[in-house]
Amino acid sequence: MKNNIFDRELLLIFTRNPELGKVKRRLAASIGDEAALKVYEMLLQHTLEVTQDLSVKKWVFYSEEIPKKDIWSKENFNKKLQQGRDLGERMQQAFSEAFSEGFQKVVIIGSDLYDLQEEDLKMAFLALDDHNYVLGPAQDGGYYLLGMTKPTPQLFRNKTWSSASVFQQTRQDLKQEKLKILPVRNDIDTFEDMRSYMDLMELIEKDGEI
């Protein structure tokens, strides 16, 4: 069993290997593969910046393979490989491993949220002091964050992942539980999602990508 607060709290970060033609495919349909990769690399960097100083344990889960060199320092981040046939199964496996290791408060995020700040993550872990679950709704109807204090495999079953129904389906699953809802945030999946972010737009405009 974990002895101190730092060892009892865990952040799971799900990420895709940043490879040309394999990330942000809906975004790439509008701006091209090279521009989509640049945007995703910037989103990864942002995710690193808002998580690296957080006083919890952190595991980064790669989609394809664990690279020999990346932006995540070994001192701050434990690197793992996602396991499962779909997103739900992969998340469920990650949570299961976390709880089997003795963690008591586990939160998962993706790596495509330019809105996400360190305070959002602190709020999520704090919420789990007096709630069993915490959920961060995304503008597109999904969720950008899920946290819990006990294994709950049913949250990852019978969902149409990457659809506008995921948040409401998950909330329905938790209707009898003590649940904290965080502020809505915008994840970057399409060109429309990134229009309001000057840094992201400048990233692709300066190279004539759009």
C-alpha atoms as a PDB file:
ATOM      1  CA  MET A   1       0.000   0.000   0.000  1.00  0.00           C
ATOM      2  CA  LYS A   2       1.203   3.499  -0.784  1.00  0.00           C
ATOM      3  CA  ASN A   3       2.277   5.415   2.295  1.00  0.00           C
ATOM      4  CA  ASN A   4       2.134   9.106   1.412  1.00  0.00           C
ATOM      5  CA  ILE A   5      -0.146  11.300  -0.667  1.00  0.00           C
ATOM      6  CA  PHE A   6       2.329  11.539  -3.553  1.00  0.00           C
ATOM      7  CA  ASP A   7       2.497   7.751  -3.834  1.00  0.00           C
ATOM      8  CA  ARG A   8      -1.287   7.318  -3.650  1.00  0.00           C
ATOM      9  CA  GLU A   9      -2.166   9.659  -6.545  1.00  0.00           C
ATOM     10  CA  LEU A  10      -1.516   8.818 -10.187  1.00  0.00           C
ATOM     11  CA  LEU A  11      -2.001  10.682 -13.470  1.00  0.00           C
ATOM     12  CA  LEU A  12      -2.374   8.566 -16.610  1.00  0.00           C
ATOM     13  CA  ILE A  13      -1.500  10.380 -19.849  1.00  0.00           C
ATOM     14  CA  PHE A  14      -2.668   8.701 -23.052  1.00  0.00           C
ATOM     15  CA  THR A  15      -0.675   9.744 -26.094  1.00  0.00           C
ATOM     16  CA  ARG A  16      -0.161   8.691 -29.679  1.00  0.00           C
ATOM     17  CA  ASN A  17       3.275   8.193 -31.145  1.00  0.00           C
ATOM     18  CA  PRO A  18       3.931  11.442 -33.076  1.00  0.00           C
ATOM     19  CA  GLU A  19       4.377   9.998 -36.566  1.00  0.00           C
ATOM     20  CA  LEU A  20       3.539  11.582 -39.907  1.00  0.00           C
ATOM     21  CA  GLY A  21       0.157  10.466 -41.202  1.00  0.00           C
ATOM     22  CA  LYS A  22      -0.812   8.704 -37.972  1.00  0.00           C
ATOM     23  CA  VAL A  23      -1.968  11.545 -35.716  1.00  0.00           C
ATOM     24  CA  LYS A  24      -4.920  13.920 -35.811  1.00  0.00           C
ATOM     25  CA  ARG A  25      -6.399  12.385 -38.965  1.00  0.00           C
ATOM     26  CA  ARG A  26      -9.590  14.440 -38.890  1.00  0.00           C
ATOM     27  CA  LEU A  27      -7.488  17.579 -38.558  1.00  0.00           C
ATOM     28  CA  ALA A  28      -5.110  16.351 -41.276  1.00  0.00           C
ATOM     29  CA  ALA A  29      -8.030  16.073 -43.694  1.00  0.00           C
ATOM     30  CA  SER A  30      -8.225  19.895 -43.592  1.00  0.00           C
ATOM     31  CA  ILE A  31      -4.613  21.004 -43.120  1.00  0.00           C
ATOM     32  CA  GLY A  32      -2.487  18.079 -44.319  1.00  0.00           C
ATOM     33  CA  ASP A  33      -0.414  15.453 -42.546  1.00  0.00           C
ATOM     34  CA  GLU A  34       2.669  17.593 -41.935  1.00  0.00           C
ATOM     35  CA  ALA A  35       0.697  20.459 -40.404  1.00  0.00           C
ATOM     36  CA  ALA A  36      -1.348  18.043 -38.286  1.00  0.00           C
ATOM     37  CA  LEU A  37       1.873  16.514 -36.945  1.00  0.00           C
ATOM     38  CA  LYS A  38       3.223  19.972 -36.039  1.00  0.00           C
ATOM     39  CA  VAL A  39       0.004  20.787 -34.196  1.00  0.00           C
ATOM     40  CA  TYR A  40       0.085  17.495 -32.325  1.00  0.00           C
ATOM     41  CA  GLU A  41       3.717  17.994 -31.308  1.00  0.00           C
ATOM     42  CA  MET A  42       2.756  21.396 -29.904  1.00  0.00           C
ATOM     43  CA  LEU A  43      -0.138  19.813 -28.012  1.00  0.00           C
ATOM     44  CA  LEU A  44       2.238  17.212 -26.583  1.00  0.00           C
ATOM     45  CA  GLN A  45       4.598  19.952 -25.441  1.00  0.00           C
ATOM     46  CA  HIS A  46       1.703  21.771 -23.784  1.00  0.00           C
ATOM     47  CA  THR A  47       0.632  18.575 -22.022  1.00  0.00           C
ATOM     48  CA  LEU A  48       4.173  18.127 -20.750  1.00  0.00           C
ATOM     49  CA  GLU A  49       4.295  21.693 -19.421  1.00  0.00           C
ATOM     50  CA  VAL A  50       1.036  21.417 -17.466  1.00  0.00           C
ATOM     51  CA  THR A  51       1.820  17.999 -15.975  1.00  0.00           C
ATOM     52  CA  GLN A  52       5.557  17.957 -15.230  1.00  0.00           C
ATOM     53  CA  ASP A  53       5.366  19.893 -11.943  1.00  0.00           C
ATOM     54  CA  LEU A  54       2.208  18.210 -10.665  1.00  0.00           C
ATOM     55  CA  SER A  55       2.917  16.517  -7.323  1.00  0.00           C
ATOM     56  CA  VAL A  56       1.577  13.079  -8.252  1.00  0.00           C
ATOM     57  CA  LYS A  57       3.020  10.003  -9.923  1.00  0.00           C
ATOM     58  CA  LYS A  58       2.711  10.085 -13.714  1.00  0.00           C
ATOM     59  CA  TRP A  59       2.508   7.319 -16.302  1.00  0.00           C
ATOM     60  CA  VAL A  60       2.624   8.058 -20.046  1.00  0.00           C
ATOM     61  CA  PHE A  61       0.918   5.432 -22.198  1.00  0.00           C
ATOM     62  CA  TYR A  62       2.026   5.269 -25.849  1.00  0.00           C
ATOM     63  CA  SER A  63      -0.284   3.987 -28.578  1.00  0.00           C
ATOM     64  CA  GLU A  64       2.201   2.006 -30.697  1.00  0.00           C
ATOM     65  CA  GLU A  65       5.608   1.652 -29.054  1.00  0.00           C
ATOM     66  CA  ILE A  66       7.786   3.218 -26.384  1.00  0.00           C
ATOM     67  CA  PRO A  67      10.441   5.298 -28.187  1.00  0.00           C
ATOM     68  CA  LYS A  68      14.040   5.455 -27.030  1.00  0.00           C
ATOM     69  CA  LYS A  69      13.938   9.253 -27.072  1.00  0.00           C
ATOM     70  CA  ASP A  70      11.009  11.568 -26.371  1.00  0.00           C
ATOM     71  CA  ILE A  71      10.021  14.716 -24.480  1.00  0.00           C
ATOM     72  CA  TRP A  72       8.996  12.903 -21.278  1.00  0.00           C
ATOM     73  CA  SER A  73      11.832  12.724 -18.746  1.00  0.00           C
ATOM     74  CA  LYS A  74      12.392   9.390 -17.049  1.00  0.00           C
ATOM     75  CA  GLU A  75      12.694  11.194 -13.724  1.00  0.00           C
ATOM     76  CA  ASN A  76       9.113  12.491 -13.876  1.00  0.00           C
ATOM     77  CA  PHE A  77       7.284  10.040 -16.114  1.00  0.00           C
ATOM     78  CA  ASN A  78       7.018   6.259 -16.175  1.00  0.00           C
ATOM     79  CA  LYS A  79       6.468   5.096 -19.771  1.00  0.00           C
ATOM     80  CA  LYS A  80       4.148   2.276 -20.738  1.00  0.00           C
ATOM     81  CA  LEU A  81       2.312   0.834 -23.741  1.00  0.00           C
ATOM     82  CA  GLN A  82      -1.455   0.891 -24.147  1.00  0.00           C
ATOM     83  CA  GLN A  83      -3.038  -2.574 -24.160  1.00  0.00           C
ATOM     84  CA  GLY A  84      -6.418  -3.396 -25.678  1.00  0.00           C
ATOM     85  CA  ARG A  85      -8.475  -3.515 -28.862  1.00  0.00           C
ATOM     86  CA  ASP A  86     -10.197  -0.146 -28.517  1.00  0.00           C
ATOM     87  CA  LEU A  87      -9.875   3.020 -26.462  1.00  0.00           C
ATOM     88  CA  GLY A  88     -12.216   1.783 -23.752  1.00  0.00           C
ATOM     89  CA  GLU A  89     -10.336  -1.437 -23.234  1.00  0.00           C
ATOM     90  CA  ARG A  90      -7.018   0.405 -23.211  1.00  0.00           C
ATOM     91  CA  MET A  91      -8.190   2.859 -20.572  1.00  0.00           C
ATOM     92  CA  GLN A  92      -9.714   0.094 -18.472  1.00  0.00           C
ATOM     93  CA  GLN A  93      -6.427  -1.836 -18.563  1.00  0.00           C
ATOM     94  CA  ALA A  94      -4.501   1.277 -17.489  1.00  0.00           C
ATOM     95  CA  PHE A  95      -6.818   1.935 -14.545  1.00  0.00           C
ATOM     96  CA  SER A  96      -6.713  -1.726 -13.548  1.00  0.00           C
ATOM     97  CA  GLU A  97      -2.913  -1.693 -13.474  1.00  0.00           C
ATOM     98  CA  ALA A  98      -2.919   1.532 -11.472  1.00  0.00           C
ATOM     99  CA  PHE A  99      -5.222   0.208  -8.765  1.00  0.00           C
ATOM    100  CA  SER A 100      -3.373  -3.111  -8.638  1.00  0.00           C
ATOM    101  CA  GLU A 101      -0.228  -1.098  -7.863  1.00  0.00           C
ATOM    102  CA  GLY A 102      -1.932   0.414  -4.823  1.00  0.00           C
ATOM    103  CA  PHE A 103      -2.885   3.872  -6.091  1.00  0.00           C
ATOM    104  CA  GLN A 104      -6.038   5.280  -4.509  1.00  0.00           C
ATOM    105  CA  LYS A 105      -6.778   8.315  -6.717  1.00  0.00           C
ATOM    106  CA  VAL A 106      -6.282   7.805 -10.449  1.00  0.00           C
ATOM    107  CA  VAL A 107      -6.965  10.378 -13.182  1.00  0.00           C
ATOM    108  CA  ILE A 108      -6.620   9.932 -16.940  1.00  0.00           C
ATOM    109  CA  ILE A 109      -6.218  12.598 -19.634  1.00  0.00           C
ATOM    110  CA  GLY A 110      -5.391  12.669 -23.314  1.00  0.00           C
ATOM    111  CA  SER A 111      -2.751  14.810 -24.990  1.00  0.00           C
ATOM    112  CA  ASP A 112      -4.744  17.069 -27.305  1.00  0.00           C
ATOM    113  CA  LEU A 113      -6.039  19.766 -24.951  1.00  0.00           C
ATOM    114  CA  TYR A 114      -4.601  23.229 -25.465  1.00  0.00           C
ATOM    115  CA  ASP A 115      -7.155  24.467 -22.889  1.00  0.00           C
ATOM    116  CA  LEU A 116      -5.857  22.203 -20.136  1.00  0.00           C
ATOM    117  CA  GLN A 117      -4.028  23.832 -17.233  1.00  0.00           C
ATOM    118  CA  GLU A 118      -2.265  22.462 -14.171  1.00  0.00           C
ATOM    119  CA  GLU A 119      -5.062  23.891 -12.011  1.00  0.00           C
ATOM    120  CA  ASP A 120      -7.588  21.642 -13.789  1.00  0.00           C
ATOM    121  CA  LEU A 121      -5.581  18.602 -12.753  1.00  0.00           C
ATOM    122  CA  LYS A 122      -5.148  19.814  -9.181  1.00  0.00           C
ATOM    123  CA  MET A 123      -8.914  20.372  -9.037  1.00  0.00           C
ATOM    124  CA  ALA A 124      -9.535  16.825 -10.258  1.00  0.00           C
ATOM    125  CA  PHE A 125      -7.355  15.175  -7.627  1.00  0.00           C
ATOM    126  CA  LEU A 126      -8.773  17.430  -4.912  1.00  0.00           C
ATOM    127  CA  ALA A 127     -12.314  16.469  -5.956  1.00  0.00           C
ATOM    128  CA  LEU A 128     -11.498  12.823  -5.304  1.00  0.00           C
ATOM    129  CA  ASP A 129     -11.064  13.617  -1.607  1.00  0.00           C
ATOM    130  CA  ASP A 130     -14.848  13.693  -1.220  1.00  0.00           C
ATOM    131  CA  HIS A 131     -16.134  12.258  -4.511  1.00  0.00           C
ATOM    132  CA  ASN A 132     -15.693   8.773  -5.949  1.00  0.00           C
ATOM    133  CA  TYR A 133     -15.473  10.072  -9.514  1.00  0.00           C
ATOM    134  CA  VAL A 134     -14.537  13.213 -11.413  1.00  0.00           C
ATOM    135  CA  LEU A 135     -15.359  13.889 -15.059  1.00  0.00           C
ATOM    136  CA  GLY A 136     -14.256  16.686 -17.392  1.00  0.00           C
ATOM    137  CA  PRO A 137     -16.646  17.239 -20.324  1.00  0.00           C
ATOM    138  CA  ALA A 138     -15.269  18.217 -23.727  1.00  0.00           C
ATOM    139  CA  GLN A 139     -17.099  20.585 -26.062  1.00  0.00           C
ATOM    140  CA  ASP A 140     -17.557  17.832 -28.658  1.00  0.00           C
ATOM    141  CA  GLY A 141     -19.584  15.633 -26.298  1.00  0.00           C
ATOM    142  CA  GLY A 142     -16.747  13.420 -25.106  1.00  0.00           C
ATOM    143  CA  TYR A 143     -14.656  13.877 -22.004  1.00  0.00           C
ATOM    144  CA  TYR A 144     -11.095  15.105 -21.567  1.00  0.00           C
ATOM    145  CA  LEU A 145     -10.572  13.779 -18.032  1.00  0.00           C
ATOM    146  CA  LEU A 146     -11.833  10.904 -15.944  1.00  0.00           C
ATOM    147  CA  GLY A 147     -10.823  10.184 -12.358  1.00  0.00           C
ATOM    148  CA  MET A 148     -11.876   7.578  -9.816  1.00  0.00           C
ATOM    149  CA  THR A 149     -11.023   6.044  -6.465  1.00  0.00           C
ATOM    150  CA  LYS A 150     -11.895   2.427  -7.297  1.00  0.00           C
ATOM    151  CA  PRO A 151     -11.841   0.147 -10.362  1.00  0.00           C
ATOM    152  CA  THR A 152     -15.000   0.602 -12.448  1.00  0.00           C
ATOM    153  CA  PRO A 153     -14.739  -1.517 -15.634  1.00  0.00           C
ATOM    154  CA  GLN A 154     -18.319  -0.824 -16.736  1.00  0.00           C
ATOM    155  CA  LEU A 155     -17.407   2.792 -17.564  1.00  0.00           C
ATOM    156  CA  PHE A 156     -15.404   1.521 -20.522  1.00  0.00           C
ATOM    157  CA  ARG A 157     -18.029  -0.803 -22.010  1.00  0.00           C
ATOM    158  CA  ASN A 158     -20.822  -0.163 -24.516  1.00  0.00           C
ATOM    159  CA  LYS A 159     -19.511   3.243 -25.584  1.00  0.00           C
ATOM    160  CA  THR A 160     -19.203   4.698 -29.081  1.00  0.00           C
ATOM    161  CA  TRP A 161     -15.757   6.185 -28.627  1.00  0.00           C
ATOM    162  CA  SER A 162     -14.947   9.489 -30.352  1.00  0.00           C
ATOM    163  CA  SER A 163     -18.657  10.256 -30.583  1.00  0.00           C
ATOM    164  CA  ALA A 164     -20.745  13.091 -29.122  1.00  0.00           C
ATOM    165  CA  SER A 165     -22.497  10.698 -26.723  1.00  0.00           C
ATOM    166  CA  VAL A 166     -19.570   9.512 -24.591  1.00  0.00           C
ATOM    167  CA  PHE A 167     -19.839  12.111 -21.829  1.00  0.00           C
ATOM    168  CA  GLN A 168     -23.588  11.648 -21.351  1.00  0.00           C
ATOM    169  CA  GLN A 169     -23.288   7.858 -21.473  1.00  0.00           C
ATOM    170  CA  THR A 170     -20.575   7.938 -18.820  1.00  0.00           C
ATOM    171  CA  ARG A 171     -22.516  10.384 -16.674  1.00  0.00           C
ATOM    172  CA  GLN A 172     -25.538   8.079 -16.892  1.00  0.00           C
ATOM    173  CA  ASP A 173     -23.367   5.176 -15.709  1.00  0.00           C
ATOM    174  CA  LEU A 174     -22.459   7.248 -12.655  1.00  0.00           C
ATOM    175  CA  LYS A 175     -25.906   8.642 -11.838  1.00  0.00           C
ATOM    176  CA  GLN A 176     -25.985   6.823  -8.491  1.00  0.00           C
ATOM    177  CA  GLU A 177     -22.417   7.808  -7.576  1.00  0.00           C
ATOM    178  CA  LYS A 178     -20.858  10.865  -5.977  1.00  0.00           C
ATOM    179  CA  LEU A 179     -19.557  12.611  -9.095  1.00  0.00           C
ATOM    180  CA  LYS A 180     -17.776  15.932  -9.581  1.00  0.00           C
ATOM    181  CA  ILE A 181     -18.142  17.608 -12.989  1.00  0.00           C
ATOM    182  CA  LEU A 182     -15.279  19.899 -14.049  1.00  0.00           C
ATOM    183  CA  PRO A 183     -15.531  22.907 -16.406  1.00  0.00           C
ATOM    184  CA  VAL A 184     -15.943  22.192 -20.121  1.00  0.00           C
ATOM    185  CA  ARG A 185     -12.737  22.221 -22.170  1.00  0.00           C
ATOM    186  CA  ASN A 186     -12.039  22.047 -25.907  1.00  0.00           C
ATOM    187  CA  ASP A 187      -9.945  19.226 -27.316  1.00  0.00           C
ATOM    188  CA  ILE A 188      -8.346  19.709 -30.738  1.00  0.00           C
ATOM    189  CA  ASP A 189      -9.689  17.215 -33.273  1.00  0.00           C
ATOM    190  CA  THR A 190     -10.678  19.368 -36.261  1.00  0.00           C
ATOM    191  CA  PHE A 191      -9.641  22.617 -37.933  1.00  0.00           C
ATOM    192  CA  GLU A 192     -12.662  24.362 -36.400  1.00  0.00           C
ATOM    193  CA  ASP A 193     -11.435  23.322 -32.944  1.00  0.00           C
ATOM    194  CA  MET A 194      -8.151  25.180 -33.386  1.00  0.00           C
ATOM    195  CA  ARG A 195      -9.365  28.378 -35.083  1.00  0.00           C
ATOM    196  CA  SER A 196      -9.507  30.344 -31.833  1.00  0.00           C
ATOM    197  CA  TYR A 197      -5.951  29.476 -30.770  1.00  0.00           C
ATOM    198  CA  MET A 198      -3.530  31.986 -32.251  1.00  0.00           C
ATOM    199  CA  ASP A 199      -0.424  29.965 -31.402  1.00  0.00           C
ATOM    200  CA  LEU A 200      -1.739  26.902 -33.209  1.00  0.00           C
ATOM    201  CA  MET A 201      -2.897  28.894 -36.223  1.00  0.00           C
ATOM    202  CA  GLU A 202       0.421  30.713 -36.502  1.00  0.00           C
ATOM    203  CA  LEU A 203       2.237  27.408 -36.346  1.00  0.00           C
ATOM    204  CA  ILE A 204       0.748  26.263 -39.621  1.00  0.00           C
ATOM    205  CA  GLU A 205       0.251  29.659 -41.319  1.00  0.00           C
ATOM    206  CA  LYS A 206       3.902  30.686 -41.134  1.00  0.00           C
ATOM    207  CA  ASP A 207       4.936  27.644 -43.129  1.00  0.00           C
ATOM    208  CA  GLY A 208       2.187  28.130 -45.681  1.00  0.00           C
ATOM    209  CA  GLU A 209       0.382  25.033 -44.586  1.00  0.00           C
ATOM    210  CA  ILE A 210      -3.060  26.579 -45.056  1.00  0.00           C
END
